[in-house]
Amino acid sequence: MTTAALAPHAFTALDRCDRCGAQAFVRAVLTSGDLLFCAHHGREYGEALAAKALVVEDGSETINKKPSPSAY
């Protein structure tokens, strides 16, 4: 049996948290599909996600890496 490697997810402003609707920075790949979470909910559910998910991607290091247009 072979398994395919999952391509890393490129988080964008269009990715929204499945819990609250904020911008998503955490992706959990489950056998039934993907879940996206903001950094807050990714931390809140992190332990449970790690136990059940095939892969958990955390892109929260990119928060505020590029200033928003309103910062100018």
PDB file of N, CA and C in Angstrom:
ATOM      1  N   MET A   1       0.837  -1.169   0.000  1.00  0.00           N
ATOM      2  CA  MET A   1       0.000   0.000   0.000  1.00  0.00           C
ATOM      3  C   MET A   1       0.886   1.238   0.000  1.00  0.00           C
ATOM      4  N   THR A   2       0.528   2.208  -0.815  1.00  0.00           N
ATOM      5  CA  THR A   2       1.279   3.456  -0.852  1.00  0.00           C
ATOM      6  C   THR A   2       0.374   4.587  -0.399  1.00  0.00           C
ATOM      7  N   THR A   3       0.994   5.607   0.163  1.00  0.00           N
ATOM      8  CA  THR A   3       0.243   6.790   0.571  1.00  0.00           C
ATOM      9  C   THR A   3       0.826   7.996  -0.135  1.00  0.00           C
ATOM     10  N   ALA A   4      -0.035   8.872  -0.563  1.00  0.00           N
ATOM     11  CA  ALA A   4       0.406  10.095  -1.232  1.00  0.00           C
ATOM     12  C   ALA A   4       0.657  11.177  -0.192  1.00  0.00           C
ATOM     13  N   ALA A   5       1.712  11.921  -0.391  1.00  0.00           N
ATOM     14  CA  ALA A   5       2.004  13.039   0.505  1.00  0.00           C
ATOM     15  C   ALA A   5       1.044  14.183   0.200  1.00  0.00           C
ATOM     16  N   LEU A   6       0.575  14.828   1.226  1.00  0.00           N
ATOM     17  CA  LEU A   6      -0.329  15.956   1.054  1.00  0.00           C
ATOM     18  C   LEU A   6       0.460  17.216   0.762  1.00  0.00           C
ATOM     19  N   ALA A   7      -0.011  17.963  -0.216  1.00  0.00           N
ATOM     20  CA  ALA A   7       0.640  19.234  -0.533  1.00  0.00           C
ATOM     21  C   ALA A   7       0.354  20.222   0.583  1.00  0.00           C
ATOM     22  N   PRO A   8       1.343  21.013   0.970  1.00  0.00           N
ATOM     23  CA  PRO A   8       1.095  22.018   2.011  1.00  0.00           C
ATOM     24  C   PRO A   8       0.053  23.025   1.541  1.00  0.00           C
ATOM     25  N   HIS A   9      -0.727  23.500   2.458  1.00  0.00           N
ATOM     26  CA  HIS A   9      -1.793  24.451   2.146  1.00  0.00           C
ATOM     27  C   HIS A   9      -1.229  25.861   2.178  1.00  0.00           C
ATOM     28  N   ALA A  10      -1.500  26.625   1.144  1.00  0.00           N
ATOM     29  CA  ALA A  10      -1.104  28.041   1.124  1.00  0.00           C
ATOM     30  C   ALA A  10      -2.273  28.854   1.671  1.00  0.00           C
ATOM     31  N   PHE A  11      -2.185  29.269   2.925  1.00  0.00           N
ATOM     32  CA  PHE A  11      -3.262  30.008   3.561  1.00  0.00           C
ATOM     33  C   PHE A  11      -3.420  31.383   2.919  1.00  0.00           C
ATOM     34  N   THR A  12      -4.665  31.766   2.675  1.00  0.00           N
ATOM     35  CA  THR A  12      -4.965  33.089   2.128  1.00  0.00           C
ATOM     36  C   THR A  12      -6.022  33.756   2.999  1.00  0.00           C
ATOM     37  N   ALA A  13      -6.302  34.999   2.719  1.00  0.00           N
ATOM     38  CA  ALA A  13      -7.327  35.730   3.468  1.00  0.00           C
ATOM     39  C   ALA A  13      -8.720  35.153   3.219  1.00  0.00           C
ATOM     40  N   LEU A  14      -8.870  34.349   2.186  1.00  0.00           N
ATOM     41  CA  LEU A  14     -10.166  33.726   1.899  1.00  0.00           C
ATOM     42  C   LEU A  14     -10.428  32.502   2.760  1.00  0.00           C
ATOM     43  N   ASP A  15      -9.396  31.950   3.385  1.00  0.00           N
ATOM     44  CA  ASP A  15      -9.556  30.798   4.284  1.00  0.00           C
ATOM     45  C   ASP A  15     -10.136  31.300   5.601  1.00  0.00           C
ATOM     46  N   ARG A  16     -11.263  30.737   6.007  1.00  0.00           N
ATOM     47  CA  ARG A  16     -11.952  31.205   7.202  1.00  0.00           C
ATOM     48  C   ARG A  16     -12.063  30.086   8.227  1.00  0.00           C
ATOM     49  N   CYS A  17     -12.016  30.446   9.487  1.00  0.00           N
ATOM     50  CA  CYS A  17     -12.138  29.518  10.598  1.00  0.00           C
ATOM     51  C   CYS A  17     -13.523  28.872  10.581  1.00  0.00           C
ATOM     52  N   ASP A  18     -13.557  27.545  10.679  1.00  0.00           N
ATOM     53  CA  ASP A  18     -14.833  26.830  10.701  1.00  0.00           C
ATOM     54  C   ASP A  18     -15.595  27.053  12.005  1.00  0.00           C
ATOM     55  N   ARG A  19     -14.965  27.596  12.997  1.00  0.00           N
ATOM     56  CA  ARG A  19     -15.618  27.836  14.291  1.00  0.00           C
ATOM     57  C   ARG A  19     -16.179  29.246  14.403  1.00  0.00           C
ATOM     58  N   CYS A  20     -15.368  30.275  14.018  1.00  0.00           N
ATOM     59  CA  CYS A  20     -15.803  31.653  14.251  1.00  0.00           C
ATOM     60  C   CYS A  20     -15.800  32.541  13.009  1.00  0.00           C
ATOM     61  N   GLY A  21     -15.223  32.093  11.909  1.00  0.00           N
ATOM     62  CA  GLY A  21     -15.213  32.889  10.692  1.00  0.00           C
ATOM     63  C   GLY A  21     -14.021  33.822  10.529  1.00  0.00           C
ATOM     64  N   ALA A  22     -13.129  33.876  11.514  1.00  0.00           N
ATOM     65  CA  ALA A  22     -11.917  34.701  11.387  1.00  0.00           C
ATOM     66  C   ALA A  22     -10.977  34.064  10.364  1.00  0.00           C
ATOM     67  N   GLN A  23      -9.945  34.785   9.982  1.00  0.00           N
ATOM     68  CA  GLN A  23      -8.993  34.239   9.023  1.00  0.00           C
ATOM     69  C   GLN A  23      -8.339  32.987   9.592  1.00  0.00           C
ATOM     70  N   ALA A  24      -8.281  31.948   8.774  1.00  0.00           N
ATOM     71  CA  ALA A  24      -7.731  30.664   9.208  1.00  0.00           C
ATOM     72  C   ALA A  24      -6.215  30.616   9.027  1.00  0.00           C
ATOM     73  N   PHE A  25      -5.550  30.004   9.999  1.00  0.00           N
ATOM     74  CA  PHE A  25      -4.108  29.800   9.957  1.00  0.00           C
ATOM     75  C   PHE A  25      -3.732  28.367  10.313  1.00  0.00           C
ATOM     76  N   VAL A  26      -4.721  27.545  10.672  1.00  0.00           N
ATOM     77  CA  VAL A  26      -4.478  26.157  11.047  1.00  0.00           C
ATOM     78  C   VAL A  26      -5.396  25.271  10.207  1.00  0.00           C
ATOM     79  N   ARG A  27      -4.818  24.225   9.628  1.00  0.00           N
ATOM     80  CA  ARG A  27      -5.586  23.269   8.825  1.00  0.00           C
ATOM     81  C   ARG A  27      -5.388  21.882   9.403  1.00  0.00           C
ATOM     82  N   ALA A  28      -6.493  21.193   9.663  1.00  0.00           N
ATOM     83  CA  ALA A  28      -6.450  19.812  10.132  1.00  0.00           C
ATOM     84  C   ALA A  28      -7.022  18.932   9.028  1.00  0.00           C
ATOM     85  N   VAL A  29      -6.233  17.972   8.590  1.00  0.00           N
ATOM     86  CA  VAL A  29      -6.678  17.050   7.545  1.00  0.00           C
ATOM     87  C   VAL A  29      -7.154  15.779   8.229  1.00  0.00           C
ATOM     88  N   LEU A  30      -8.448  15.510   8.097  1.00  0.00           N
ATOM     89  CA  LEU A  30      -9.058  14.322   8.669  1.00  0.00           C
ATOM     90  C   LEU A  30      -9.435  13.368   7.538  1.00  0.00           C
ATOM     91  N   THR A  31      -9.748  12.136   7.864  1.00  0.00           N
ATOM     92  CA  THR A  31     -10.166  11.195   6.821  1.00  0.00           C
ATOM     93  C   THR A  31     -11.472  11.643   6.173  1.00  0.00           C
ATOM     94  N   SER A  32     -12.283  12.405   6.893  1.00  0.00           N
ATOM     95  CA  SER A  32     -13.569  12.862   6.372  1.00  0.00           C
ATOM     96  C   SER A  32     -13.494  14.225   5.678  1.00  0.00           C
ATOM     97  N   GLY A  33     -12.341  14.887   5.699  1.00  0.00           N
ATOM     98  CA  GLY A  33     -12.184  16.196   5.070  1.00  0.00           C
ATOM     99  C   GLY A  33     -11.294  17.106   5.901  1.00  0.00           C
ATOM    100  N   ASP A  34     -11.192  18.342   5.462  1.00  0.00           N
ATOM    101  CA  ASP A  34     -10.332  19.321   6.126  1.00  0.00           C
ATOM    102  C   ASP A  34     -11.148  20.240   7.025  1.00  0.00           C
ATOM    103  N   LEU A  35     -10.519  20.668   8.110  1.00  0.00           N
ATOM    104  CA  LEU A  35     -11.072  21.699   8.981  1.00  0.00           C
ATOM    105  C   LEU A  35     -10.074  22.837   9.031  1.00  0.00           C
ATOM    106  N   LEU A  36     -10.569  24.057   8.998  1.00  0.00           N
ATOM    107  CA  LEU A  36      -9.726  25.247   9.093  1.00  0.00           C
ATOM    108  C   LEU A  36     -10.076  25.996  10.368  1.00  0.00           C
ATOM    109  N   PHE A  37      -9.044  26.515  11.045  1.00  0.00           N
ATOM    110  CA  PHE A  37      -9.246  27.248  12.287  1.00  0.00           C
ATOM    111  C   PHE A  37      -8.366  28.481  12.325  1.00  0.00           C
ATOM    112  N   CYS A  38      -8.847  29.514  13.012  1.00  0.00           N
ATOM    113  CA  CYS A  38      -8.010  30.672  13.307  1.00  0.00           C
ATOM    114  C   CYS A  38      -6.940  30.210  14.303  1.00  0.00           C
ATOM    115  N   ALA A  39      -5.966  31.041  14.571  1.00  0.00           N
ATOM    116  CA  ALA A  39      -4.889  30.650  15.495  1.00  0.00           C
ATOM    117  C   ALA A  39      -5.451  30.356  16.889  1.00  0.00           C
ATOM    118  N   HIS A  40      -6.414  31.162  17.338  1.00  0.00           N
ATOM    119  CA  HIS A  40      -7.004  30.970  18.667  1.00  0.00           C
ATOM    120  C   HIS A  40      -7.665  29.597  18.776  1.00  0.00           C
ATOM    121  N   HIS A  41      -8.538  29.267  17.845  1.00  0.00           N
ATOM    122  CA  HIS A  41      -9.234  27.985  17.913  1.00  0.00           C
ATOM    123  C   HIS A  41      -8.296  26.823  17.563  1.00  0.00           C
ATOM    124  N   GLY A  42      -7.296  27.075  16.759  1.00  0.00           N
ATOM    125  CA  GLY A  42      -6.290  26.045  16.491  1.00  0.00           C
ATOM    126  C   GLY A  42      -5.561  25.648  17.765  1.00  0.00           C
ATOM    127  N   ARG A  43      -5.230  26.634  18.611  1.00  0.00           N
ATOM    128  CA  ARG A  43      -4.598  26.342  19.903  1.00  0.00           C
ATOM    129  C   ARG A  43      -5.587  25.665  20.851  1.00  0.00           C
ATOM    130  N   GLU A  44      -6.830  26.156  20.859  1.00  0.00           N
ATOM    131  CA  GLU A  44      -7.840  25.598  21.753  1.00  0.00           C
ATOM    132  C   GLU A  44      -8.100  24.114  21.467  1.00  0.00           C
ATOM    133  N   TYR A  45      -8.169  23.758  20.196  1.00  0.00           N
ATOM    134  CA  TYR A  45      -8.475  22.378  19.811  1.00  0.00           C
ATOM    135  C   TYR A  45      -7.231  21.587  19.402  1.00  0.00           C
ATOM    136  N   GLY A  46      -6.060  22.170  19.574  1.00  0.00           N
ATOM    137  CA  GLY A  46      -4.820  21.562  19.096  1.00  0.00           C
ATOM    138  C   GLY A  46      -4.573  20.146  19.568  1.00  0.00           C
ATOM    139  N   GLU A  47      -4.780  19.890  20.840  1.00  0.00           N
ATOM    140  CA  GLU A  47      -4.521  18.559  21.391  1.00  0.00           C
ATOM    141  C   GLU A  47      -5.460  17.517  20.776  1.00  0.00           C
ATOM    142  N   ALA A  48      -6.736  17.851  20.678  1.00  0.00           N
ATOM    143  CA  ALA A  48      -7.712  16.927  20.088  1.00  0.00           C
ATOM    144  C   ALA A  48      -7.447  16.731  18.600  1.00  0.00           C
ATOM    145  N   LEU A  49      -7.077  17.810  17.908  1.00  0.00           N
ATOM    146  CA  LEU A  49      -6.778  17.692  16.486  1.00  0.00           C
ATOM    147  C   LEU A  49      -5.564  16.802  16.252  1.00  0.00           C
ATOM    148  N   ALA A  50      -4.531  16.985  17.050  1.00  0.00           N
ATOM    149  CA  ALA A  50      -3.316  16.179  16.897  1.00  0.00           C
ATOM    150  C   ALA A  50      -3.605  14.700  17.089  1.00  0.00           C
ATOM    151  N   ALA A  51      -4.550  14.378  17.964  1.00  0.00           N
ATOM    152  CA  ALA A  51      -4.882  12.981  18.238  1.00  0.00           C
ATOM    153  C   ALA A  51      -5.694  12.342  17.118  1.00  0.00           C
ATOM    154  N   LYS A  52      -6.479  13.141  16.389  1.00  0.00           N
ATOM    155  CA  LYS A  52      -7.396  12.580  15.397  1.00  0.00           C
ATOM    156  C   LYS A  52      -7.020  12.852  13.949  1.00  0.00           C
ATOM    157  N   ALA A  53      -6.301  13.927  13.699  1.00  0.00           N
ATOM    158  CA  ALA A  53      -6.016  14.345  12.330  1.00  0.00           C
ATOM    159  C   ALA A  53      -4.855  13.559  11.728  1.00  0.00           C
ATOM    160  N   LEU A  54      -4.900  13.409  10.413  1.00  0.00           N
ATOM    161  CA  LEU A  54      -3.782  12.812   9.688  1.00  0.00           C
ATOM    162  C   LEU A  54      -2.607  13.779   9.684  1.00  0.00           C
ATOM    163  N   VAL A  55      -2.932  15.056   9.486  1.00  0.00           N
ATOM    164  CA  VAL A  55      -1.922  16.122   9.446  1.00  0.00           C
ATOM    165  C   VAL A  55      -2.541  17.378  10.038  1.00  0.00           C
ATOM    166  N   VAL A  56      -1.758  18.123  10.805  1.00  0.00           N
ATOM    167  CA  VAL A  56      -2.168  19.442  11.272  1.00  0.00           C
ATOM    168  C   VAL A  56      -1.110  20.424  10.790  1.00  0.00           C
ATOM    169  N   GLU A  57      -1.544  21.402  10.007  1.00  0.00           N
ATOM    170  CA  GLU A  57      -0.637  22.440   9.510  1.00  0.00           C
ATOM    171  C   GLU A  57      -0.906  23.722  10.276  1.00  0.00           C
ATOM    172  N   ASP A  58       0.133  24.340  10.784  1.00  0.00           N
ATOM    173  CA  ASP A  58       0.001  25.581  11.536  1.00  0.00           C
ATOM    174  C   ASP A  58       0.753  26.684  10.805  1.00  0.00           C
ATOM    175  N   GLY A  59       0.010  27.601  10.234  1.00  0.00           N
ATOM    176  CA  GLY A  59       0.611  28.730   9.526  1.00  0.00           C
ATOM    177  C   GLY A  59       0.537  30.013  10.325  1.00  0.00           C
ATOM    178  N   SER A  60       0.351  29.900  11.643  1.00  0.00           N
ATOM    179  CA  SER A  60       0.149  31.092  12.462  1.00  0.00           C
ATOM    180  C   SER A  60       1.388  31.976  12.545  1.00  0.00           C
ATOM    181  N   GLU A  61       2.546  31.468  12.147  1.00  0.00           N
ATOM    182  CA  GLU A  61       3.742  32.317  12.170  1.00  0.00           C
ATOM    183  C   GLU A  61       3.647  33.434  11.139  1.00  0.00           C
ATOM    184  N   THR A  62       2.701  33.332  10.213  1.00  0.00           N
ATOM    185  CA  THR A  62       2.544  34.375   9.190  1.00  0.00           C
ATOM    186  C   THR A  62       1.625  35.510   9.636  1.00  0.00           C
ATOM    187  N   ILE A  63       1.019  35.388  10.816  1.00  0.00           N
ATOM    188  CA  ILE A  63       0.158  36.461  11.307  1.00  0.00           C
ATOM    189  C   ILE A  63       0.993  37.735  11.458  1.00  0.00           C
ATOM    190  N   ASN A  64       0.502  38.800  10.887  1.00  0.00           N
ATOM    191  CA  ASN A  64       1.146  40.124  10.943  1.00  0.00           C
ATOM    192  C   ASN A  64       2.521  40.162  10.296  1.00  0.00           C
ATOM    193  N   LYS A  65       2.848  39.152   9.492  1.00  0.00           N
ATOM    194  CA  LYS A  65       4.128  39.170   8.784  1.00  0.00           C
ATOM    195  C   LYS A  65       4.132  40.296   7.757  1.00  0.00           C
ATOM    196  N   LYS A  66       2.993  40.485   7.101  1.00  0.00           N
ATOM    197  CA  LYS A  66       2.835  41.560   6.125  1.00  0.00           C
ATOM    198  C   LYS A  66       1.762  42.492   6.670  1.00  0.00           C
ATOM    199  N   PRO A  67       2.050  43.771   6.873  1.00  0.00           N
ATOM    200  CA  PRO A  67       1.050  44.685   7.438  1.00  0.00           C
ATOM    201  C   PRO A  67      -0.178  44.794   6.540  1.00  0.00           C
ATOM    202  N   SER A  68      -1.311  44.987   7.154  1.00  0.00           N
ATOM    203  CA  SER A  68      -2.541  45.174   6.394  1.00  0.00           C
ATOM    204  C   SER A  68      -2.513  46.559   5.751  1.00  0.00           C
ATOM    205  N   PRO A  69      -3.306  46.752   4.686  1.00  0.00           N
ATOM    206  CA  PRO A  69      -3.343  48.080   4.044  1.00  0.00           C
ATOM    207  C   PRO A  69      -3.746  49.190   5.002  1.00  0.00           C
ATOM    208  N   SER A  70      -4.522  48.859   6.040  1.00  0.00           N
ATOM    209  CA  SER A  70      -4.947  49.905   6.982  1.00  0.00           C
ATOM    210  C   SER A  70      -3.795  50.370   7.874  1.00  0.00           C
ATOM    211  N   ALA A  71      -2.661  49.659   7.857  1.00  0.00           N
ATOM    212  CA  ALA A  71      -1.531  50.033   8.687  1.00  0.00           C
ATOM    213  C   ALA A  71      -0.727  51.176   8.077  1.00  0.00           C
ATOM    214  N   TYR A  72      -1.016  51.516   6.836  1.00  0.00           N
ATOM    215  CA  TYR A  72      -0.244  52.565   6.155  1.00  0.00           C
ATOM    216  C   TYR A  72      -0.820  53.926   6.359  1.00  0.00           C
TER     217      TYR A  72
END
